[in-house]
PDB file of N, CA and C in Angstrom:
ATOM      1  N   MET A   1      19.154 -22.062   9.178  1.00  0.00           N
ATOM      2  CA  MET A   1      19.490 -21.538   8.164  1.00  0.00           C
ATOM      3  C   MET A   1      20.061 -20.327   7.566  1.00  0.00           C
ATOM      4  N   VAL A   2      20.856 -20.179   7.017  1.00  0.00           N
ATOM      5  CA  VAL A   2      21.083 -18.894   6.160  1.00  0.00           C
ATOM      6  C   VAL A   2      21.133 -19.413   5.290  1.00  0.00           C
ATOM      7  N   ARG A   3      20.057 -18.456   4.046  1.00  0.00           N
ATOM      8  CA  ARG A   3      20.829 -18.448   2.164  1.00  0.00           C
ATOM      9  C   ARG A   3      20.574 -17.274   2.166  1.00  0.00           C
ATOM     10  N   LYS A   4      20.559 -16.934   0.711  1.00  0.00           N
ATOM     11  CA  LYS A   4      20.874 -15.565   0.081  1.00  0.00           C
ATOM     12  C   LYS A   4      19.735 -15.340  -0.346  1.00  0.00           C
ATOM     13  N   THR A   5      19.451 -13.954  -0.576  1.00  0.00           N
ATOM     14  CA  THR A   5      18.016 -13.887  -1.344  1.00  0.00           C
ATOM     15  C   THR A   5      18.287 -14.159  -2.914  1.00  0.00           C
ATOM     16  N   THR A   6      16.686 -13.832  -3.195  1.00  0.00           N
ATOM     17  CA  THR A   6      16.373 -14.372  -4.237  1.00  0.00           C
ATOM     18  C   THR A   6      16.143 -13.107  -5.509  1.00  0.00           C
ATOM     19  N   THR A   7      16.645 -13.039  -6.474  1.00  0.00           N
ATOM     20  CA  THR A   7      16.867 -11.599  -7.373  1.00  0.00           C
ATOM     21  C   THR A   7      16.185 -11.966  -8.130  1.00  0.00           C
ATOM     22  N   ARG A   8      14.721 -10.890  -8.850  1.00  0.00           N
ATOM     23  CA  ARG A   8      13.731 -10.934 -10.068  1.00  0.00           C
ATOM     24  C   ARG A   8      13.809  -9.641 -10.451  1.00  0.00           C
ATOM     25  N   VAL A   9      14.336  -9.222 -12.004  1.00  0.00           N
ATOM     26  CA  VAL A   9      13.522  -8.158 -12.124  1.00  0.00           C
ATOM     27  C   VAL A   9      12.168  -7.798 -12.905  1.00  0.00           C
ATOM     28  N   VAL A  10      11.190  -7.015 -12.568  1.00  0.00           N
ATOM     29  CA  VAL A  10      10.435  -7.474 -12.849  1.00  0.00           C
ATOM     30  C   VAL A  10       9.902  -5.952 -14.488  1.00  0.00           C
ATOM     31  N   GLU A  11       9.522  -6.290 -15.492  1.00  0.00           N
ATOM     32  CA  GLU A  11       9.864  -5.195 -16.437  1.00  0.00           C
ATOM     33  C   GLU A  11       8.183  -5.048 -16.568  1.00  0.00           C
ATOM     34  N   GLY A  12       6.970  -3.514 -16.167  1.00  0.00           N
ATOM     35  CA  GLY A  12       5.757  -2.927 -16.202  1.00  0.00           C
ATOM     36  C   GLY A  12       5.216  -3.320 -15.545  1.00  0.00           C
ATOM     37  N   ALA A  13       6.099  -3.515 -13.504  1.00  0.00           N
ATOM     38  CA  ALA A  13       5.618  -4.063 -12.539  1.00  0.00           C
ATOM     39  C   ALA A  13       4.162  -3.242 -12.386  1.00  0.00           C
ATOM     40  N   ARG A  14       3.487  -3.990 -12.369  1.00  0.00           N
ATOM     41  CA  ARG A  14       1.674  -3.752 -11.932  1.00  0.00           C
ATOM     42  C   ARG A  14       1.290  -2.605 -13.096  1.00  0.00           C
ATOM     43  N   GLY A  15       1.625  -2.522 -14.048  1.00  0.00           N
ATOM     44  CA  GLY A  15       1.508  -1.890 -15.362  1.00  0.00           C
ATOM     45  C   GLY A  15       2.549  -0.474 -15.501  1.00  0.00           C
ATOM     46  N   GLY A  16       3.620  -0.673 -14.442  1.00  0.00           N
ATOM     47  CA  GLY A  16       4.170   0.786 -14.034  1.00  0.00           C
ATOM     48  C   GLY A  16       5.337   0.838 -15.430  1.00  0.00           C
ATOM     49  N   ALA A  17       6.124   1.363 -15.542  1.00  0.00           N
ATOM     50  CA  ALA A  17       6.975   1.733 -16.552  1.00  0.00           C
ATOM     51  C   ALA A  17       8.570   1.004 -15.980  1.00  0.00           C
ATOM     52  N   GLY A  18       9.437   1.252 -16.947  1.00  0.00           N
ATOM     53  CA  GLY A  18      10.149   0.861 -16.355  1.00  0.00           C
ATOM     54  C   GLY A  18      10.625  -1.039 -16.054  1.00  0.00           C
ATOM     55  N   SER A  19      11.789  -0.964 -15.120  1.00  0.00           N
ATOM     56  CA  SER A  19      11.722  -2.177 -14.569  1.00  0.00           C
ATOM     57  C   SER A  19      12.531  -1.759 -13.516  1.00  0.00           C
ATOM     58  N   VAL A  20      12.206  -2.920 -12.266  1.00  0.00           N
ATOM     59  CA  VAL A  20      12.300  -3.260 -11.433  1.00  0.00           C
ATOM     60  C   VAL A  20      12.936  -4.218 -10.365  1.00  0.00           C
ATOM     61  N   GLU A  21      13.705  -4.353  -9.553  1.00  0.00           N
ATOM     62  CA  GLU A  21      14.736  -5.203  -9.319  1.00  0.00           C
ATOM     63  C   GLU A  21      14.100  -5.564  -7.585  1.00  0.00           C
ATOM     64  N   PHE A  22      14.065  -6.943  -7.345  1.00  0.00           N
ATOM     65  CA  PHE A  22      12.796  -7.115  -6.255  1.00  0.00           C
ATOM     66  C   PHE A  22      14.194  -8.495  -5.847  1.00  0.00           C
ATOM     67  N   HIS A  23      14.879  -8.022  -4.816  1.00  0.00           N
ATOM     68  CA  HIS A  23      15.644  -8.806  -3.661  1.00  0.00           C
ATOM     69  C   HIS A  23      14.489  -9.456  -2.791  1.00  0.00           C
ATOM     70  N   ASP A  24      14.103 -10.539  -2.839  1.00  0.00           N
ATOM     71  CA  ASP A  24      13.033 -11.603  -2.297  1.00  0.00           C
ATOM     72  C   ASP A  24      13.695 -11.832  -1.039  1.00  0.00           C
ATOM     73  N   ILE A  25      13.611 -11.513   0.161  1.00  0.00           N
ATOM     74  CA  ILE A  25      14.179 -12.176   1.753  1.00  0.00           C
ATOM     75  C   ILE A  25      13.562 -13.373   1.968  1.00  0.00           C
ATOM     76  N   LEU A  26      12.019 -13.329   1.397  1.00  0.00           N
ATOM     77  CA  LEU A  26      11.350 -13.851   1.950  1.00  0.00           C
ATOM     78  C   LEU A  26      10.504 -14.595   1.472  1.00  0.00           C
ATOM     79  N   SER A  27       9.966 -15.863   0.756  1.00  0.00           N
ATOM     80  CA  SER A  27       9.050 -16.247  -0.230  1.00  0.00           C
ATOM     81  C   SER A  27       7.999 -16.376  -0.108  1.00  0.00           C
ATOM     82  N   ALA A  28       6.967 -16.462   0.030  1.00  0.00           N
ATOM     83  CA  ALA A  28       5.575 -16.370   0.342  1.00  0.00           C
ATOM     84  C   ALA A  28       5.116 -17.413   1.013  1.00  0.00           C
ATOM     85  N   ASP A  29       6.014 -19.201   0.610  1.00  0.00           N
ATOM     86  CA  ASP A  29       5.923 -19.519   1.554  1.00  0.00           C
ATOM     87  C   ASP A  29       6.413 -19.838   2.887  1.00  0.00           C
ATOM     88  N   GLU A  30       7.554 -18.964   3.084  1.00  0.00           N
ATOM     89  CA  GLU A  30       8.208 -18.865   3.814  1.00  0.00           C
ATOM     90  C   GLU A  30       7.420 -18.069   4.891  1.00  0.00           C
ATOM     91  N   MET A  31       6.130 -17.109   4.388  1.00  0.00           N
ATOM     92  CA  MET A  31       5.793 -16.588   5.559  1.00  0.00           C
ATOM     93  C   MET A  31       4.700 -17.138   6.352  1.00  0.00           C
ATOM     94  N   ASN A  32       4.151 -18.169   5.454  1.00  0.00           N
ATOM     95  CA  ASN A  32       3.488 -19.196   6.308  1.00  0.00           C
ATOM     96  C   ASN A  32       2.240 -18.796   6.581  1.00  0.00           C
ATOM     97  N   GLY A  33       1.484 -18.308   5.599  1.00  0.00           N
ATOM     98  CA  GLY A  33       0.160 -17.972   5.630  1.00  0.00           C
ATOM     99  C   GLY A  33      -0.209 -16.355   5.651  1.00  0.00           C
ATOM    100  N   HIS A  34       1.214 -16.373   5.970  1.00  0.00           N
ATOM    101  CA  HIS A  34       0.518 -14.155   7.352  1.00  0.00           C
ATOM    102  C   HIS A  34       0.547 -12.983   6.089  1.00  0.00           C
ATOM    103  N   GLY A  35       1.646 -13.934   4.675  1.00  0.00           N
ATOM    104  CA  GLY A  35       1.870 -12.556   3.649  1.00  0.00           C
ATOM    105  C   GLY A  35       1.985 -13.244   2.301  1.00  0.00           C
ATOM    106  N   ARG A  36       2.698 -12.161   1.256  1.00  0.00           N
ATOM    107  CA  ARG A  36       2.854 -13.014   0.217  1.00  0.00           C
ATOM    108  C   ARG A  36       4.919 -12.284  -0.086  1.00  0.00           C
ATOM    109  N   LEU A  37       4.782 -11.051   0.112  1.00  0.00           N
ATOM    110  CA  LEU A  37       5.898 -10.313  -0.113  1.00  0.00           C
ATOM    111  C   LEU A  37       6.824  -9.374   1.067  1.00  0.00           C
ATOM    112  N   TYR A  38       8.220 -10.021   0.857  1.00  0.00           N
ATOM    113  CA  TYR A  38       9.255  -8.844   1.787  1.00  0.00           C
ATOM    114  C   TYR A  38       9.970  -8.548   1.321  1.00  0.00           C
ATOM    115  N   ALA A  39      10.470  -8.125   0.923  1.00  0.00           N
ATOM    116  CA  ALA A  39      11.694  -7.579  -0.220  1.00  0.00           C
ATOM    117  C   ALA A  39      12.401  -6.392  -0.348  1.00  0.00           C
ATOM    118  N   LYS A  40      13.427  -6.379  -0.338  1.00  0.00           N
ATOM    119  CA  LYS A  40      14.008  -4.856  -0.837  1.00  0.00           C
ATOM    120  C   LYS A  40      14.081  -4.790  -2.100  1.00  0.00           C
ATOM    121  N   VAL A  41      13.477  -3.603  -2.365  1.00  0.00           N
ATOM    122  CA  VAL A  41      13.589  -3.449  -3.627  1.00  0.00           C
ATOM    123  C   VAL A  41      13.988  -2.216  -4.520  1.00  0.00           C
ATOM    124  N   VAL A  42      14.341  -2.668  -5.672  1.00  0.00           N
ATOM    125  CA  VAL A  42      14.803  -1.499  -6.304  1.00  0.00           C
ATOM    126  C   VAL A  42      14.381  -1.102  -7.645  1.00  0.00           C
ATOM    127  N   VAL A  43      14.068   0.653  -7.664  1.00  0.00           N
ATOM    128  CA  VAL A  43      12.821   0.838  -8.674  1.00  0.00           C
ATOM    129  C   VAL A  43      14.231   2.006  -9.644  1.00  0.00           C
ATOM    130  N   ARG A  44      14.268   1.625 -10.510  1.00  0.00           N
ATOM    131  CA  ARG A  44      15.875   1.753 -11.332  1.00  0.00           C
ATOM    132  C   ARG A  44      14.894   3.384 -11.887  1.00  0.00           C
ATOM    133  N   PRO A  45      15.931   4.461 -12.036  1.00  0.00           N
ATOM    134  CA  PRO A  45      15.555   5.031 -13.123  1.00  0.00           C
ATOM    135  C   PRO A  45      14.079   5.502 -13.726  1.00  0.00           C
ATOM    136  N   HIS A  46      13.879   6.761 -14.019  1.00  0.00           N
ATOM    137  CA  HIS A  46      12.560   6.505 -14.481  1.00  0.00           C
ATOM    138  C   HIS A  46      11.547   5.224 -15.106  1.00  0.00           C
ATOM    139  N   SER A  47      11.270   4.761 -14.179  1.00  0.00           N
ATOM    140  CA  SER A  47      10.498   3.682 -13.024  1.00  0.00           C
ATOM    141  C   SER A  47      10.063   3.248 -12.388  1.00  0.00           C
ATOM    142  N   SER A  48       8.604   2.862 -12.296  1.00  0.00           N
ATOM    143  CA  SER A  48       7.243   3.097 -12.006  1.00  0.00           C
ATOM    144  C   SER A  48       7.042   1.848 -11.459  1.00  0.00           C
ATOM    145  N   ILE A  49       5.568   1.398 -10.303  1.00  0.00           N
ATOM    146  CA  ILE A  49       5.646   0.306  -9.798  1.00  0.00           C
ATOM    147  C   ILE A  49       3.807   1.234  -9.983  1.00  0.00           C
ATOM    148  N   GLY A  50       3.382   0.310 -11.226  1.00  0.00           N
ATOM    149  CA  GLY A  50       2.062   0.874 -11.738  1.00  0.00           C
ATOM    150  C   GLY A  50       0.594   1.126 -10.357  1.00  0.00           C
ATOM    151  N   PHE A  51      -0.214   1.713 -10.422  1.00  0.00           N
ATOM    152  CA  PHE A  51      -1.220   2.734  -9.583  1.00  0.00           C
ATOM    153  C   PHE A  51      -1.792   0.520  -9.356  1.00  0.00           C
ATOM    154  N   HIS A  52      -1.577  -0.207  -8.143  1.00  0.00           N
ATOM    155  CA  HIS A  52      -2.742  -1.115  -7.917  1.00  0.00           C
ATOM    156  C   HIS A  52      -3.443  -1.039  -6.048  1.00  0.00           C
ATOM    157  N   VAL A  53      -4.805  -1.796  -6.351  1.00  0.00           N
ATOM    158  CA  VAL A  53      -5.151  -2.580  -4.670  1.00  0.00           C
ATOM    159  C   VAL A  53      -4.676  -3.204  -4.304  1.00  0.00           C
ATOM    160  N   HIS A  54      -4.961  -3.184  -2.900  1.00  0.00           N
ATOM    161  CA  HIS A  54      -4.643  -4.421  -1.995  1.00  0.00           C
ATOM    162  C   HIS A  54      -5.978  -4.810  -1.424  1.00  0.00           C
ATOM    163  N   GLU A  55      -6.640  -5.586  -2.168  1.00  0.00           N
ATOM    164  CA  GLU A  55      -7.885  -6.203  -1.439  1.00  0.00           C
ATOM    165  C   GLU A  55      -8.197  -6.851  -0.440  1.00  0.00           C
ATOM    166  N   ASN A  56      -6.629  -7.660   0.576  1.00  0.00           N
ATOM    167  CA  ASN A  56      -7.374  -8.508   1.215  1.00  0.00           C
ATOM    168  C   ASN A  56      -5.793  -7.880   2.494  1.00  0.00           C
ATOM    169  N   ASP A  57      -4.776  -7.234   2.107  1.00  0.00           N
ATOM    170  CA  ASP A  57      -3.393  -7.314   2.874  1.00  0.00           C
ATOM    171  C   ASP A  57      -3.463  -5.725   2.921  1.00  0.00           C
ATOM    172  N   THR A  58      -2.104  -5.023   3.055  1.00  0.00           N
ATOM    173  CA  THR A  58      -1.495  -4.451   3.275  1.00  0.00           C
ATOM    174  C   THR A  58      -0.345  -4.319   2.996  1.00  0.00           C
ATOM    175  N   GLU A  59       0.214  -3.080   2.867  1.00  0.00           N
ATOM    176  CA  GLU A  59       1.947  -2.627   3.042  1.00  0.00           C
ATOM    177  C   GLU A  59       2.388  -1.542   2.813  1.00  0.00           C
ATOM    178  N   PRO A  60       3.055  -1.653   3.603  1.00  0.00           N
ATOM    179  CA  PRO A  60       4.181  -0.509   4.450  1.00  0.00           C
ATOM    180  C   PRO A  60       5.846  -0.869   2.826  1.00  0.00           C
ATOM    181  N   TYR A  61       5.746   1.085   2.803  1.00  0.00           N
ATOM    182  CA  TYR A  61       7.022   0.723   2.358  1.00  0.00           C
ATOM    183  C   TYR A  61       8.258   1.387   3.314  1.00  0.00           C
ATOM    184  N   TYR A  62       9.441   1.328   3.055  1.00  0.00           N
ATOM    185  CA  TYR A  62      10.646   2.052   4.309  1.00  0.00           C
ATOM    186  C   TYR A  62      11.466   2.849   2.877  1.00  0.00           C
ATOM    187  N   ILE A  63      11.857   3.680   2.379  1.00  0.00           N
ATOM    188  CA  ILE A  63      12.565   4.580   1.661  1.00  0.00           C
ATOM    189  C   ILE A  63      14.379   4.738   1.829  1.00  0.00           C
ATOM    190  N   LEU A  64      15.064   3.436   1.474  1.00  0.00           N
ATOM    191  CA  LEU A  64      16.230   3.112   2.022  1.00  0.00           C
ATOM    192  C   LEU A  64      17.237   4.666   1.155  1.00  0.00           C
ATOM    193  N   GLU A  65      17.153   4.262   0.263  1.00  0.00           N
ATOM    194  CA  GLU A  65      17.914   5.367  -0.569  1.00  0.00           C
ATOM    195  C   GLU A  65      16.872   6.533  -1.581  1.00  0.00           C
ATOM    196  N   GLY A  66      17.065   7.537  -2.329  1.00  0.00           N
ATOM    197  CA  GLY A  66      16.596   7.387  -3.418  1.00  0.00           C
ATOM    198  C   GLY A  66      15.828   8.267  -2.893  1.00  0.00           C
ATOM    199  N   HIS A  67      15.322   9.133  -4.149  1.00  0.00           N
ATOM    200  CA  HIS A  67      14.013   9.544  -4.316  1.00  0.00           C
ATOM    201  C   HIS A  67      12.599   9.156  -4.832  1.00  0.00           C
ATOM    202  N   GLY A  68      11.314  10.107  -4.843  1.00  0.00           N
ATOM    203  CA  GLY A  68      10.586   9.304  -5.809  1.00  0.00           C
ATOM    204  C   GLY A  68       8.732  10.387  -5.629  1.00  0.00           C
ATOM    205  N   ILE A  69       7.376   9.456  -6.038  1.00  0.00           N
ATOM    206  CA  ILE A  69       6.573   9.988  -5.721  1.00  0.00           C
ATOM    207  C   ILE A  69       6.110   9.073  -5.037  1.00  0.00           C
ATOM    208  N   PHE A  70       5.561   9.321  -4.317  1.00  0.00           N
ATOM    209  CA  PHE A  70       4.526   7.543  -3.696  1.00  0.00           C
ATOM    210  C   PHE A  70       3.013   8.431  -4.818  1.00  0.00           C
ATOM    211  N   VAL A  71       1.998   7.663  -5.353  1.00  0.00           N
ATOM    212  CA  VAL A  71       1.110   8.053  -5.375  1.00  0.00           C
ATOM    213  C   VAL A  71       0.033   7.399  -4.554  1.00  0.00           C
ATOM    214  N   ASP A  72      -0.972   7.790  -3.480  1.00  0.00           N
ATOM    215  CA  ASP A  72      -1.682   7.594  -2.256  1.00  0.00           C
ATOM    216  C   ASP A  72      -3.072   7.234  -3.055  1.00  0.00           C
ATOM    217  N   ASN A  73      -4.189   6.795  -1.966  1.00  0.00           N
ATOM    218  CA  ASN A  73      -5.374   5.654  -2.629  1.00  0.00           C
ATOM    219  C   ASN A  73      -6.082   6.986  -3.313  1.00  0.00           C
ATOM    220  N   ASP A  74      -6.008   8.359  -3.411  1.00  0.00           N
ATOM    221  CA  ASP A  74      -6.785   9.172  -2.944  1.00  0.00           C
ATOM    222  C   ASP A  74      -5.917  10.070  -4.768  1.00  0.00           C
ATOM    223  N   LYS A  75      -4.907   9.377  -5.296  1.00  0.00           N
ATOM    224  CA  LYS A  75      -4.237   9.901  -6.202  1.00  0.00           C
ATOM    225  C   LYS A  75      -3.163  11.312  -5.694  1.00  0.00           C
ATOM    226  N   SER A  76      -3.490  11.300  -4.304  1.00  0.00           N
ATOM    227  CA  SER A  76      -2.267  12.673  -3.953  1.00  0.00           C
ATOM    228  C   SER A  76      -1.344  12.392  -4.366  1.00  0.00           C
ATOM    229  N   ARG A  77      -0.310  13.161  -4.836  1.00  0.00           N
ATOM    230  CA  ARG A  77       1.258  13.194  -4.479  1.00  0.00           C
ATOM    231  C   ARG A  77       2.024  13.088  -4.256  1.00  0.00           C
ATOM    232  N   THR A  78       3.136  12.456  -2.933  1.00  0.00           N
ATOM    233  CA  THR A  78       4.242  12.967  -2.082  1.00  0.00           C
ATOM    234  C   THR A  78       5.491  12.780  -2.121  1.00  0.00           C
ATOM    235  N   GLU A  79       5.962  14.061  -1.958  1.00  0.00           N
ATOM    236  CA  GLU A  79       7.727  13.628  -2.468  1.00  0.00           C
ATOM    237  C   GLU A  79       8.223  12.308  -1.372  1.00  0.00           C
ATOM    238  N   VAL A  80       9.212  11.548  -1.505  1.00  0.00           N
ATOM    239  CA  VAL A  80       9.488  10.682  -0.809  1.00  0.00           C
ATOM    240  C   VAL A  80      10.954  10.147  -0.940  1.00  0.00           C
ATOM    241  N   GLY A  81      11.173  10.563   0.140  1.00  0.00           N
ATOM    242  CA  GLY A  81      12.980  10.116   0.505  1.00  0.00           C
ATOM    243  C   GLY A  81      13.594   9.366   1.785  1.00  0.00           C
ATOM    244  N   PRO A  82      14.724   8.612   1.641  1.00  0.00           N
ATOM    245  CA  PRO A  82      15.611   7.993   2.805  1.00  0.00           C
ATOM    246  C   PRO A  82      14.501   8.445   3.833  1.00  0.00           C
ATOM    247  N   GLY A  83      13.664   7.655   4.806  1.00  0.00           N
ATOM    248  CA  GLY A  83      13.186   7.352   5.933  1.00  0.00           C
ATOM    249  C   GLY A  83      11.658   7.412   6.446  1.00  0.00           C
ATOM    250  N   ASP A  84      11.023   8.107   4.794  1.00  0.00           N
ATOM    251  CA  ASP A  84      10.264   8.256   5.057  1.00  0.00           C
ATOM    252  C   ASP A  84       9.596   6.645   4.887  1.00  0.00           C
ATOM    253  N   VAL A  85       8.030   6.568   5.350  1.00  0.00           N
ATOM    254  CA  VAL A  85       7.333   5.550   5.401  1.00  0.00           C
ATOM    255  C   VAL A  85       6.016   5.559   4.693  1.00  0.00           C
ATOM    256  N   CYS A  86       5.809   4.797   4.076  1.00  0.00           N
ATOM    257  CA  CYS A  86       4.632   4.914   3.068  1.00  0.00           C
ATOM    258  C   CYS A  86       3.671   3.995   3.362  1.00  0.00           C
ATOM    259  N   ILE A  87       2.458   4.128   3.699  1.00  0.00           N
ATOM    260  CA  ILE A  87       1.113   3.503   3.991  1.00  0.00           C
ATOM    261  C   ILE A  87       0.498   2.629   3.654  1.00  0.00           C
ATOM    262  N   ILE A  88       0.223   1.784   3.030  1.00  0.00           N
ATOM    263  CA  ILE A  88      -1.093   1.294   2.478  1.00  0.00           C
ATOM    264  C   ILE A  88      -2.258   0.018   2.930  1.00  0.00           C
ATOM    265  N   GLU A  89      -2.714   0.984   3.809  1.00  0.00           N
ATOM    266  CA  GLU A  89      -4.246   0.418   4.343  1.00  0.00           C
ATOM    267  C   GLU A  89      -4.747  -1.091   3.365  1.00  0.00           C
ATOM    268  N   VAL A  90      -5.427  -1.932   3.899  1.00  0.00           N
ATOM    269  CA  VAL A  90      -6.221  -2.689   3.250  1.00  0.00           C
ATOM    270  C   VAL A  90      -7.517  -2.456   2.693  1.00  0.00           C
ATOM    271  N   GLY A  91      -7.601  -2.377   1.032  1.00  0.00           N
ATOM    272  CA  GLY A  91      -8.825  -2.035   0.474  1.00  0.00           C
ATOM    273  C   GLY A  91      -8.457  -0.343  -0.127  1.00  0.00           C
ATOM    274  N   GLN A  92      -6.751  -0.100  -0.323  1.00  0.00           N
ATOM    275  CA  GLN A  92      -6.011   1.071  -0.966  1.00  0.00           C
ATOM    276  C   GLN A  92      -5.451   0.616  -1.941  1.00  0.00           C
ATOM    277  N   GLY A  93      -5.201   2.048  -2.762  1.00  0.00           N
ATOM    278  CA  GLY A  93      -4.549   1.575  -3.681  1.00  0.00           C
ATOM    279  C   GLY A  93      -2.993   2.513  -3.752  1.00  0.00           C
ATOM    280  N   HIS A  94      -2.391   1.813  -4.401  1.00  0.00           N
ATOM    281  CA  HIS A  94      -0.892   2.693  -4.338  1.00  0.00           C
ATOM    282  C   HIS A  94      -0.119   2.470  -5.450  1.00  0.00           C
ATOM    283  N   SER A  95       1.306   3.925  -6.009  1.00  0.00           N
ATOM    284  CA  SER A  95       2.075   3.436  -7.103  1.00  0.00           C
ATOM    285  C   SER A  95       2.998   4.168  -6.323  1.00  0.00           C
ATOM    286  N   LEU A  96       4.049   3.990  -7.152  1.00  0.00           N
ATOM    287  CA  LEU A  96       5.581   4.753  -7.200  1.00  0.00           C
ATOM    288  C   LEU A  96       6.407   5.316  -8.120  1.00  0.00           C
ATOM    289  N   GLU A  97       6.860   5.786  -8.347  1.00  0.00           N
ATOM    290  CA  GLU A  97       7.148   6.410  -9.935  1.00  0.00           C
ATOM    291  C   GLU A  97       9.148   7.561  -8.975  1.00  0.00           C
ATOM    292  N   ASN A  98       9.827   6.520  -9.756  1.00  0.00           N
ATOM    293  CA  ASN A  98      11.148   7.105  -9.722  1.00  0.00           C
ATOM    294  C   ASN A  98      11.229   7.770 -10.512  1.00  0.00           C
ATOM    295  N   ASN A  99      11.262   8.838 -10.730  1.00  0.00           N
ATOM    296  CA  ASN A  99      11.430  10.531 -11.956  1.00  0.00           C
ATOM    297  C   ASN A  99      12.930  10.430 -11.842  1.00  0.00           C
ATOM    298  N   SER A 100      14.061  10.241 -11.163  1.00  0.00           N
ATOM    299  CA  SER A 100      15.498  10.689 -10.958  1.00  0.00           C
ATOM    300  C   SER A 100      15.760   9.183 -11.670  1.00  0.00           C
ATOM    301  N   ASP A 101      17.312  10.064 -11.846  1.00  0.00           N
ATOM    302  CA  ASP A 101      18.544   9.277 -12.871  1.00  0.00           C
ATOM    303  C   ASP A 101      19.369   8.386 -12.122  1.00  0.00           C
ATOM    304  N   GLU A 102      18.664   8.520 -10.465  1.00  0.00           N
ATOM    305  CA  GLU A 102      19.152   7.347  -9.359  1.00  0.00           C
ATOM    306  C   GLU A 102      18.381   6.168  -9.280  1.00  0.00           C
ATOM    307  N   ASP A 103      18.882   5.168  -8.655  1.00  0.00           N
ATOM    308  CA  ASP A 103      18.319   4.485  -8.220  1.00  0.00           C
ATOM    309  C   ASP A 103      17.261   5.100  -6.990  1.00  0.00           C
ATOM    310  N   LEU A 104      15.635   4.019  -7.390  1.00  0.00           N
ATOM    311  CA  LEU A 104      14.994   4.254  -5.458  1.00  0.00           C
ATOM    312  C   LEU A 104      14.716   3.208  -5.128  1.00  0.00           C
ATOM    313  N   VAL A 105      15.576   2.942  -3.957  1.00  0.00           N
ATOM    314  CA  VAL A 105      16.056   1.647  -3.316  1.00  0.00           C
ATOM    315  C   VAL A 105      14.671   1.837  -1.519  1.00  0.00           C
ATOM    316  N   ILE A 106      13.762   0.611  -1.502  1.00  0.00           N
ATOM    317  CA  ILE A 106      12.843   0.456  -0.186  1.00  0.00           C
ATOM    318  C   ILE A 106      12.986  -0.317  -0.113  1.00  0.00           C
ATOM    319  N   MET A 107      12.008  -0.929   1.621  1.00  0.00           N
ATOM    320  CA  MET A 107      11.948  -2.470   2.200  1.00  0.00           C
ATOM    321  C   MET A 107      10.144  -2.104   1.908  1.00  0.00           C
ATOM    322  N   ALA A 108      10.007  -3.511   1.113  1.00  0.00           N
ATOM    323  CA  ALA A 108       8.069  -4.090   1.074  1.00  0.00           C
ATOM    324  C   ALA A 108       7.769  -5.033   1.654  1.00  0.00           C
ATOM    325  N   LEU A 109       6.976  -4.521   2.544  1.00  0.00           N
ATOM    326  CA  LEU A 109       6.162  -5.963   3.060  1.00  0.00           C
ATOM    327  C   LEU A 109       4.505  -6.116   2.816  1.00  0.00           C
ATOM    328  N   VAL A 110       4.459  -6.924   1.964  1.00  0.00           N
ATOM    329  CA  VAL A 110       2.721  -7.189   2.095  1.00  0.00           C
ATOM    330  C   VAL A 110       2.133  -8.213   3.172  1.00  0.00           C
ATOM    331  N   TYR A 111       1.721  -8.117   3.668  1.00  0.00           N
ATOM    332  CA  TYR A 111       0.665  -9.126   4.962  1.00  0.00           C
ATOM    333  C   TYR A 111      -0.733  -8.771   4.923  1.00  0.00           C
ATOM    334  N   ASN A 112      -0.762 -10.332   5.453  1.00  0.00           N
ATOM    335  CA  ASN A 112      -2.200 -10.079   5.077  1.00  0.00           C
ATOM    336  C   ASN A 112      -3.000  -9.737   6.835  1.00  0.00           C
ATOM    337  N   LYS A 113      -4.433  -8.596   6.582  1.00  0.00           N
ATOM    338  CA  LYS A 113      -4.948  -7.904   7.503  1.00  0.00           C
ATOM    339  C   LYS A 113      -5.234  -8.606   8.875  1.00  0.00           C
TER     340      LYS A 113
END
């Protein structure tokens, strides 16, 4: 089977600012109980994904384009750019900020522990 991704725009994602565009590669149903998100994510300029905790799953981010600030579980702030991998372990929280004038593009995978 071949199909296109589905795209959705979320305003204030996880309590963040501005808009975030999700290009869903697999739906939760297509992940067959192994996770809930596999998507290319575009964090628009001056937008963010708000701080949230992964209680029963984990999520790596892979930065494809642009630059931003990754806020880790301990609230430390790290500049990220293309090629960086942000790892969120089970029970940890995080957020991602794009304070630039360009899109921040990442791959995100939320899967079960």
